[in-house]
Amino acid sequence: MITVILVDEHHVVRAGIKRLIEEQSDILVIAETNQNDQLPAFYQQYQPDVFIIDMNTAHASTLNMVNELTMKYPSARVIIFSNLPESFFANEAIQAGAKAYIRKTSTIEELLLAIRNVAAGKTYLSVDIAEKLALKNIADEQDPITILTPREFEIFRLLAEGTEVESIAKELKISLKTMANYQTQLKQKLHITTPTQLVRLALKHRVISLNE
């Protein structure tokens, strides 16, 4: 029996996924939560085979929490379940320690396949995301954003969205001095000097869009 913990801020979403998963004879949802900061405690308590964790633009700390979880518990296996379509987010999720990245537009069959693959120690990407990553590799584009750590990327995205420095520091629970150090690192790694250049880079690589 594959044991699963669901992490999503919406009760209705969790209930729907749980119902579909538990129609399977080999998969059981043993716990659920709407708080991603409970991941280490839940892993220690339940020892699940798989976490299914929601990630969207409202959860700036998700990748960091996944990274902390997998660093502390290397045997923890995470599936990121996201409505973010760009392959870059999948790449960041895998770098943070996730074993799979599934779009919320995926079929239930694809989600079940991901669960079984991850429980067996394998990795899995949604078909459309895998295709985008393959095409990007073929094109051999030089994407400077790929060198950012998960935390640097979250700060990059929040700055590009226009979030105030103080708000970012508070949300990520870091000091203003640490935030300033991250800003300096971003400028050096991305070879930018102004906020306008940062936004243009984010738009170019579709980390944000004009309609946001």
C-alpha atoms as a PDB file:
ATOM      1  CA  MET A   1       0.000   0.000   0.000  1.00  0.00           C
ATOM      2  CA  ILE A   2       1.380   3.426  -1.014  1.00  0.00           C
ATOM      3  CA  THR A   3       0.725   6.009   1.700  1.00  0.00           C
ATOM      4  CA  VAL A   4       0.164   9.642   0.708  1.00  0.00           C
ATOM      5  CA  ILE A   5      -0.119  13.006   2.474  1.00  0.00           C
ATOM      6  CA  LEU A   6      -1.940  15.832   0.654  1.00  0.00           C
ATOM      7  CA  VAL A   7      -0.813  19.445   1.105  1.00  0.00           C
ATOM      8  CA  ASP A   8      -3.109  22.055  -0.480  1.00  0.00           C
ATOM      9  CA  GLU A   9      -4.607  25.259   0.876  1.00  0.00           C
ATOM     10  CA  HIS A  10      -8.067  24.434  -0.527  1.00  0.00           C
ATOM     11  CA  HIS A  11     -10.153  21.832   1.310  1.00  0.00           C
ATOM     12  CA  VAL A  12     -12.302  21.141  -1.765  1.00  0.00           C
ATOM     13  CA  VAL A  13      -9.215  20.418  -3.886  1.00  0.00           C
ATOM     14  CA  ARG A  14      -7.814  18.053  -1.266  1.00  0.00           C
ATOM     15  CA  ALA A  15     -11.158  16.277  -0.922  1.00  0.00           C
ATOM     16  CA  GLY A  16     -11.422  15.794  -4.693  1.00  0.00           C
ATOM     17  CA  ILE A  17      -7.903  14.431  -5.057  1.00  0.00           C
ATOM     18  CA  LYS A  18      -8.370  12.192  -2.031  1.00  0.00           C
ATOM     19  CA  ARG A  19     -11.574  10.710  -3.428  1.00  0.00           C
ATOM     20  CA  LEU A  20      -9.956   9.958  -6.799  1.00  0.00           C
ATOM     21  CA  ILE A  21      -6.817   8.490  -5.252  1.00  0.00           C
ATOM     22  CA  GLU A  22      -8.673   6.260  -2.825  1.00  0.00           C
ATOM     23  CA  GLU A  23     -10.574   4.609  -5.655  1.00  0.00           C
ATOM     24  CA  GLN A  24      -7.260   2.790  -6.164  1.00  0.00           C
ATOM     25  CA  SER A  25      -6.656  -0.361  -4.169  1.00  0.00           C
ATOM     26  CA  ASP A  26      -2.921   0.307  -3.749  1.00  0.00           C
ATOM     27  CA  ILE A  27      -2.910   3.973  -2.625  1.00  0.00           C
ATOM     28  CA  LEU A  28      -4.119   5.431   0.671  1.00  0.00           C
ATOM     29  CA  VAL A  29      -4.275   9.069   1.826  1.00  0.00           C
ATOM     30  CA  ILE A  30      -3.227   8.949   5.482  1.00  0.00           C
ATOM     31  CA  ALA A  31      -3.218  12.679   6.277  1.00  0.00           C
ATOM     32  CA  GLU A  32      -3.803  16.118   4.797  1.00  0.00           C
ATOM     33  CA  THR A  33      -2.970  19.719   5.660  1.00  0.00           C
ATOM     34  CA  ASN A  34      -3.257  23.234   4.267  1.00  0.00           C
ATOM     35  CA  GLN A  35       0.068  24.343   5.777  1.00  0.00           C
ATOM     36  CA  ASN A  36       3.338  23.575   3.979  1.00  0.00           C
ATOM     37  CA  ASP A  37       5.364  24.481   7.071  1.00  0.00           C
ATOM     38  CA  GLN A  38       4.066  21.287   8.693  1.00  0.00           C
ATOM     39  CA  LEU A  39       5.977  19.038   6.283  1.00  0.00           C
ATOM     40  CA  PRO A  40       8.836  17.940   8.592  1.00  0.00           C
ATOM     41  CA  ALA A  41       6.460  17.260  11.492  1.00  0.00           C
ATOM     42  CA  PHE A  42       4.069  15.307   9.266  1.00  0.00           C
ATOM     43  CA  TYR A  43       6.907  13.253   7.800  1.00  0.00           C
ATOM     44  CA  GLN A  44       8.249  12.420  11.238  1.00  0.00           C
ATOM     45  CA  GLN A  45       4.778  11.456  12.487  1.00  0.00           C
ATOM     46  CA  TYR A  46       3.416   9.517   9.495  1.00  0.00           C
ATOM     47  CA  GLN A  47       6.457   8.454   7.412  1.00  0.00           C
ATOM     48  CA  PRO A  48       4.450   8.669   4.150  1.00  0.00           C
ATOM     49  CA  ASP A  49       5.679   7.151   0.911  1.00  0.00           C
ATOM     50  CA  VAL A  50       4.704  10.295  -1.012  1.00  0.00           C
ATOM     51  CA  PHE A  51       3.812  13.940  -0.347  1.00  0.00           C
ATOM     52  CA  ILE A  52       1.602  15.684  -2.912  1.00  0.00           C
ATOM     53  CA  ILE A  53       2.197  19.400  -2.414  1.00  0.00           C
ATOM     54  CA  ASP A  54       0.394  22.295  -4.055  1.00  0.00           C
ATOM     55  CA  MET A  55       2.583  25.063  -5.475  1.00  0.00           C
ATOM     56  CA  ASN A  56       1.282  28.320  -6.897  1.00  0.00           C
ATOM     57  CA  THR A  57       2.301  31.975  -6.881  1.00  0.00           C
ATOM     58  CA  ALA A  58       0.693  32.460  -3.458  1.00  0.00           C
ATOM     59  CA  HIS A  59       3.207  30.093  -1.830  1.00  0.00           C
ATOM     60  CA  ALA A  60       6.594  31.798  -2.021  1.00  0.00           C
ATOM     61  CA  SER A  61       8.045  29.444   0.579  1.00  0.00           C
ATOM     62  CA  THR A  62       6.942  26.117  -0.938  1.00  0.00           C
ATOM     63  CA  LEU A  63      10.201  25.280  -2.692  1.00  0.00           C
ATOM     64  CA  ASN A  64      12.202  26.310   0.330  1.00  0.00           C
ATOM     65  CA  MET A  65      10.098  24.065   2.578  1.00  0.00           C
ATOM     66  CA  VAL A  66      10.499  21.155   0.153  1.00  0.00           C
ATOM     67  CA  ASN A  67      14.242  21.740   0.136  1.00  0.00           C
ATOM     68  CA  GLU A  68      14.367  21.807   3.941  1.00  0.00           C
ATOM     69  CA  LEU A  69      12.261  18.637   4.140  1.00  0.00           C
ATOM     70  CA  THR A  70      14.365  16.640   1.684  1.00  0.00           C
ATOM     71  CA  MET A  71      17.628  17.868   3.201  1.00  0.00           C
ATOM     72  CA  LYS A  72      16.517  16.802   6.685  1.00  0.00           C
ATOM     73  CA  TYR A  73      14.828  13.594   5.506  1.00  0.00           C
ATOM     74  CA  PRO A  74      16.530  12.388   2.276  1.00  0.00           C
ATOM     75  CA  SER A  75      14.048   9.514   1.985  1.00  0.00           C
ATOM     76  CA  ALA A  76      11.078  11.951   1.761  1.00  0.00           C
ATOM     77  CA  ARG A  77       9.500  11.837  -1.703  1.00  0.00           C
ATOM     78  CA  VAL A  78       7.613  14.854  -3.000  1.00  0.00           C
ATOM     79  CA  ILE A  79       5.281  15.438  -5.935  1.00  0.00           C
ATOM     80  CA  ILE A  80       4.668  19.092  -6.749  1.00  0.00           C
ATOM     81  CA  PHE A  81       1.101  19.621  -7.981  1.00  0.00           C
ATOM     82  CA  SER A  82       0.981  23.010  -9.681  1.00  0.00           C
ATOM     83  CA  ASN A  83      -1.006  25.316 -11.917  1.00  0.00           C
ATOM     84  CA  LEU A  84       2.211  27.011 -13.094  1.00  0.00           C
ATOM     85  CA  PRO A  85       2.742  26.043 -16.758  1.00  0.00           C
ATOM     86  CA  GLU A  86       6.329  27.000 -17.469  1.00  0.00           C
ATOM     87  CA  SER A  87       9.040  24.347 -17.505  1.00  0.00           C
ATOM     88  CA  PHE A  88      11.292  26.596 -15.432  1.00  0.00           C
ATOM     89  CA  PHE A  89       9.117  26.028 -12.355  1.00  0.00           C
ATOM     90  CA  ALA A  90       9.408  22.265 -12.835  1.00  0.00           C
ATOM     91  CA  ASN A  91      13.172  22.578 -13.050  1.00  0.00           C
ATOM     92  CA  GLU A  92      13.239  24.606  -9.828  1.00  0.00           C
ATOM     93  CA  ALA A  93      11.004  22.062  -8.074  1.00  0.00           C
ATOM     94  CA  ILE A  94      13.316  19.193  -9.019  1.00  0.00           C
ATOM     95  CA  GLN A  95      16.364  21.185  -7.899  1.00  0.00           C
ATOM     96  CA  ALA A  96      14.624  21.796  -4.552  1.00  0.00           C
ATOM     97  CA  GLY A  97      14.299  18.050  -4.031  1.00  0.00           C
ATOM     98  CA  ALA A  98      10.927  17.142  -5.537  1.00  0.00           C
ATOM     99  CA  LYS A  99      10.715  13.838  -7.421  1.00  0.00           C
ATOM    100  CA  ALA A 100       7.857  14.835  -9.719  1.00  0.00           C
ATOM    101  CA  TYR A 101       6.087  17.876 -11.152  1.00  0.00           C
ATOM    102  CA  ILE A 102       2.464  17.454 -12.208  1.00  0.00           C
ATOM    103  CA  ARG A 103       0.208  20.092 -13.749  1.00  0.00           C
ATOM    104  CA  LYS A 104      -3.251  20.515 -12.236  1.00  0.00           C
ATOM    105  CA  THR A 105      -4.578  20.163 -15.773  1.00  0.00           C
ATOM    106  CA  SER A 106      -3.137  16.635 -15.966  1.00  0.00           C
ATOM    107  CA  THR A 107      -5.399  13.597 -16.015  1.00  0.00           C
ATOM    108  CA  ILE A 108      -5.981  11.497 -12.900  1.00  0.00           C
ATOM    109  CA  GLU A 109      -4.202   8.652 -14.714  1.00  0.00           C
ATOM    110  CA  GLU A 110      -1.080  10.789 -15.017  1.00  0.00           C
ATOM    111  CA  LEU A 111      -1.225  11.741 -11.335  1.00  0.00           C
ATOM    112  CA  LEU A 112      -1.588   8.090 -10.329  1.00  0.00           C
ATOM    113  CA  LEU A 113       1.345   7.180 -12.580  1.00  0.00           C
ATOM    114  CA  ALA A 114       3.432   9.864 -10.893  1.00  0.00           C
ATOM    115  CA  ILE A 115       2.502   8.576  -7.431  1.00  0.00           C
ATOM    116  CA  ARG A 116       3.472   5.019  -8.297  1.00  0.00           C
ATOM    117  CA  ASN A 117       6.719   6.109  -9.968  1.00  0.00           C
ATOM    118  CA  VAL A 118       7.767   8.327  -7.088  1.00  0.00           C
ATOM    119  CA  ALA A 119       6.868   5.669  -4.498  1.00  0.00           C
ATOM    120  CA  ALA A 120       9.179   3.327  -6.434  1.00  0.00           C
ATOM    121  CA  GLY A 121      12.027   5.836  -6.202  1.00  0.00           C
ATOM    122  CA  LYS A 122      11.674   7.211  -9.744  1.00  0.00           C
ATOM    123  CA  THR A 123      11.059  10.741 -11.036  1.00  0.00           C
ATOM    124  CA  TYR A 124       8.174  11.964 -13.175  1.00  0.00           C
ATOM    125  CA  LEU A 125       7.191  15.081 -15.142  1.00  0.00           C
ATOM    126  CA  SER A 126       3.864  15.969 -16.754  1.00  0.00           C
ATOM    127  CA  VAL A 127       3.986  15.167 -20.460  1.00  0.00           C
ATOM    128  CA  ASP A 128       3.653  18.803 -21.559  1.00  0.00           C
ATOM    129  CA  ILE A 129       6.341  19.949 -19.120  1.00  0.00           C
ATOM    130  CA  ALA A 130       8.710  17.172 -20.218  1.00  0.00           C
ATOM    131  CA  GLU A 131       8.224  18.213 -23.845  1.00  0.00           C
ATOM    132  CA  LYS A 132       8.993  21.856 -23.037  1.00  0.00           C
ATOM    133  CA  LEU A 133      12.152  20.890 -21.165  1.00  0.00           C
ATOM    134  CA  ALA A 134      13.259  18.662 -24.040  1.00  0.00           C
ATOM    135  CA  LEU A 135      12.695  21.420 -26.592  1.00  0.00           C
ATOM    136  CA  LYS A 136      14.556  23.869 -24.419  1.00  0.00           C
ATOM    137  CA  ASN A 137      17.522  21.525 -24.128  1.00  0.00           C
ATOM    138  CA  ILE A 138      17.542  20.974 -27.881  1.00  0.00           C
ATOM    139  CA  ALA A 139      17.538  24.715 -28.464  1.00  0.00           C
ATOM    140  CA  ASP A 140      20.401  24.999 -25.970  1.00  0.00           C
ATOM    141  CA  GLU A 141      19.191  28.400 -24.765  1.00  0.00           C
ATOM    142  CA  GLN A 142      21.402  30.209 -22.294  1.00  0.00           C
ATOM    143  CA  ASP A 143      18.935  30.906 -19.496  1.00  0.00           C
ATOM    144  CA  PRO A 144      20.691  32.748 -16.657  1.00  0.00           C
ATOM    145  CA  ILE A 145      17.791  32.103 -14.277  1.00  0.00           C
ATOM    146  CA  THR A 146      18.595  28.384 -14.153  1.00  0.00           C
ATOM    147  CA  ILE A 147      21.675  29.117 -12.030  1.00  0.00           C
ATOM    148  CA  LEU A 148      19.565  30.550  -9.196  1.00  0.00           C
ATOM    149  CA  THR A 149      18.930  28.579  -6.030  1.00  0.00           C
ATOM    150  CA  PRO A 150      15.263  27.958  -5.058  1.00  0.00           C
ATOM    151  CA  ARG A 151      15.408  30.785  -2.503  1.00  0.00           C
ATOM    152  CA  GLU A 152      17.071  33.181  -4.980  1.00  0.00           C
ATOM    153  CA  PHE A 153      14.434  32.339  -7.552  1.00  0.00           C
ATOM    154  CA  GLU A 154      11.569  33.054  -5.128  1.00  0.00           C
ATOM    155  CA  ILE A 155      13.084  36.457  -4.334  1.00  0.00           C
ATOM    156  CA  PHE A 156      13.654  37.110  -8.033  1.00  0.00           C
ATOM    157  CA  ARG A 157      10.013  36.298  -8.822  1.00  0.00           C
ATOM    158  CA  LEU A 158       8.614  38.364  -5.965  1.00  0.00           C
ATOM    159  CA  LEU A 159      10.761  41.368  -6.898  1.00  0.00           C
ATOM    160  CA  ALA A 160       9.646  41.039 -10.522  1.00  0.00           C
ATOM    161  CA  GLU A 161       6.011  41.017  -9.363  1.00  0.00           C
ATOM    162  CA  GLY A 162       6.619  44.322  -7.590  1.00  0.00           C
ATOM    163  CA  THR A 163       6.590  43.048  -4.005  1.00  0.00           C
ATOM    164  CA  GLU A 164       8.256  45.435  -1.545  1.00  0.00           C
ATOM    165  CA  VAL A 165      11.612  44.382  -0.099  1.00  0.00           C
ATOM    166  CA  GLU A 166      10.283  44.590   3.464  1.00  0.00           C
ATOM    167  CA  SER A 167       7.309  42.379   2.578  1.00  0.00           C
ATOM    168  CA  ILE A 168       9.554  39.757   0.973  1.00  0.00           C
ATOM    169  CA  ALA A 169      11.823  39.678   4.015  1.00  0.00           C
ATOM    170  CA  LYS A 170       8.810  39.238   6.292  1.00  0.00           C
ATOM    171  CA  GLU A 171       7.228  36.543   4.105  1.00  0.00           C
ATOM    172  CA  LEU A 172      10.444  34.535   3.845  1.00  0.00           C
ATOM    173  CA  LYS A 173      11.374  35.213   7.494  1.00  0.00           C
ATOM    174  CA  ILE A 174      14.765  36.717   6.735  1.00  0.00           C
ATOM    175  CA  SER A 175      16.404  39.951   7.882  1.00  0.00           C
ATOM    176  CA  LEU A 176      16.631  43.053   5.701  1.00  0.00           C
ATOM    177  CA  LYS A 177      20.417  42.622   5.677  1.00  0.00           C
ATOM    178  CA  THR A 178      20.061  39.070   4.334  1.00  0.00           C
ATOM    179  CA  MET A 179      17.531  40.354   1.798  1.00  0.00           C
ATOM    180  CA  ALA A 180      20.032  42.980   0.644  1.00  0.00           C
ATOM    181  CA  ASN A 181      22.674  40.258   0.224  1.00  0.00           C
ATOM    182  CA  TYR A 182      20.268  38.248  -1.939  1.00  0.00           C
ATOM    183  CA  GLN A 183      19.599  41.298  -4.104  1.00  0.00           C
ATOM    184  CA  THR A 184      23.329  41.754  -4.630  1.00  0.00           C
ATOM    185  CA  GLN A 185      23.705  38.068  -5.552  1.00  0.00           C
ATOM    186  CA  LEU A 186      20.852  38.317  -8.039  1.00  0.00           C
ATOM    187  CA  LYS A 187      22.414  41.324  -9.756  1.00  0.00           C
ATOM    188  CA  GLN A 188      25.752  39.541 -10.033  1.00  0.00           C
ATOM    189  CA  LYS A 189      24.355  36.213 -11.259  1.00  0.00           C
ATOM    190  CA  LEU A 190      21.868  37.716 -13.714  1.00  0.00           C
ATOM    191  CA  HIS A 191      24.128  40.575 -14.850  1.00  0.00           C
ATOM    192  CA  ILE A 192      21.508  43.214 -14.168  1.00  0.00           C
ATOM    193  CA  THR A 193      21.737  46.580 -12.437  1.00  0.00           C
ATOM    194  CA  THR A 194      18.197  47.992 -12.367  1.00  0.00           C
ATOM    195  CA  PRO A 195      14.693  46.833 -11.344  1.00  0.00           C
ATOM    196  CA  THR A 196      13.562  47.369 -14.937  1.00  0.00           C
ATOM    197  CA  GLN A 197      16.137  44.902 -16.234  1.00  0.00           C
ATOM    198  CA  LEU A 198      14.996  42.392 -13.618  1.00  0.00           C
ATOM    199  CA  VAL A 199      11.362  42.685 -14.733  1.00  0.00           C
ATOM    200  CA  ARG A 200      12.320  42.392 -18.410  1.00  0.00           C
ATOM    201  CA  LEU A 201      14.281  39.211 -17.676  1.00  0.00           C
ATOM    202  CA  ALA A 202      11.337  37.760 -15.753  1.00  0.00           C
ATOM    203  CA  LEU A 203       8.983  38.557 -18.632  1.00  0.00           C
ATOM    204  CA  LYS A 204      11.388  37.135 -21.213  1.00  0.00           C
ATOM    205  CA  HIS A 205      11.528  33.782 -19.444  1.00  0.00           C
ATOM    206  CA  ARG A 206       7.816  33.869 -18.532  1.00  0.00           C
ATOM    207  CA  VAL A 207       8.390  33.831 -14.800  1.00  0.00           C
ATOM    208  CA  ILE A 208       5.732  36.555 -14.726  1.00  0.00           C
ATOM    209  CA  SER A 209       3.307  37.775 -17.366  1.00  0.00           C
ATOM    210  CA  LEU A 210       1.911  41.194 -18.244  1.00  0.00           C
ATOM    211  CA  ASN A 211      -1.612  40.233 -17.136  1.00  0.00           C
ATOM    212  CA  GLU A 212      -0.540  39.417 -13.558  1.00  0.00           C
END
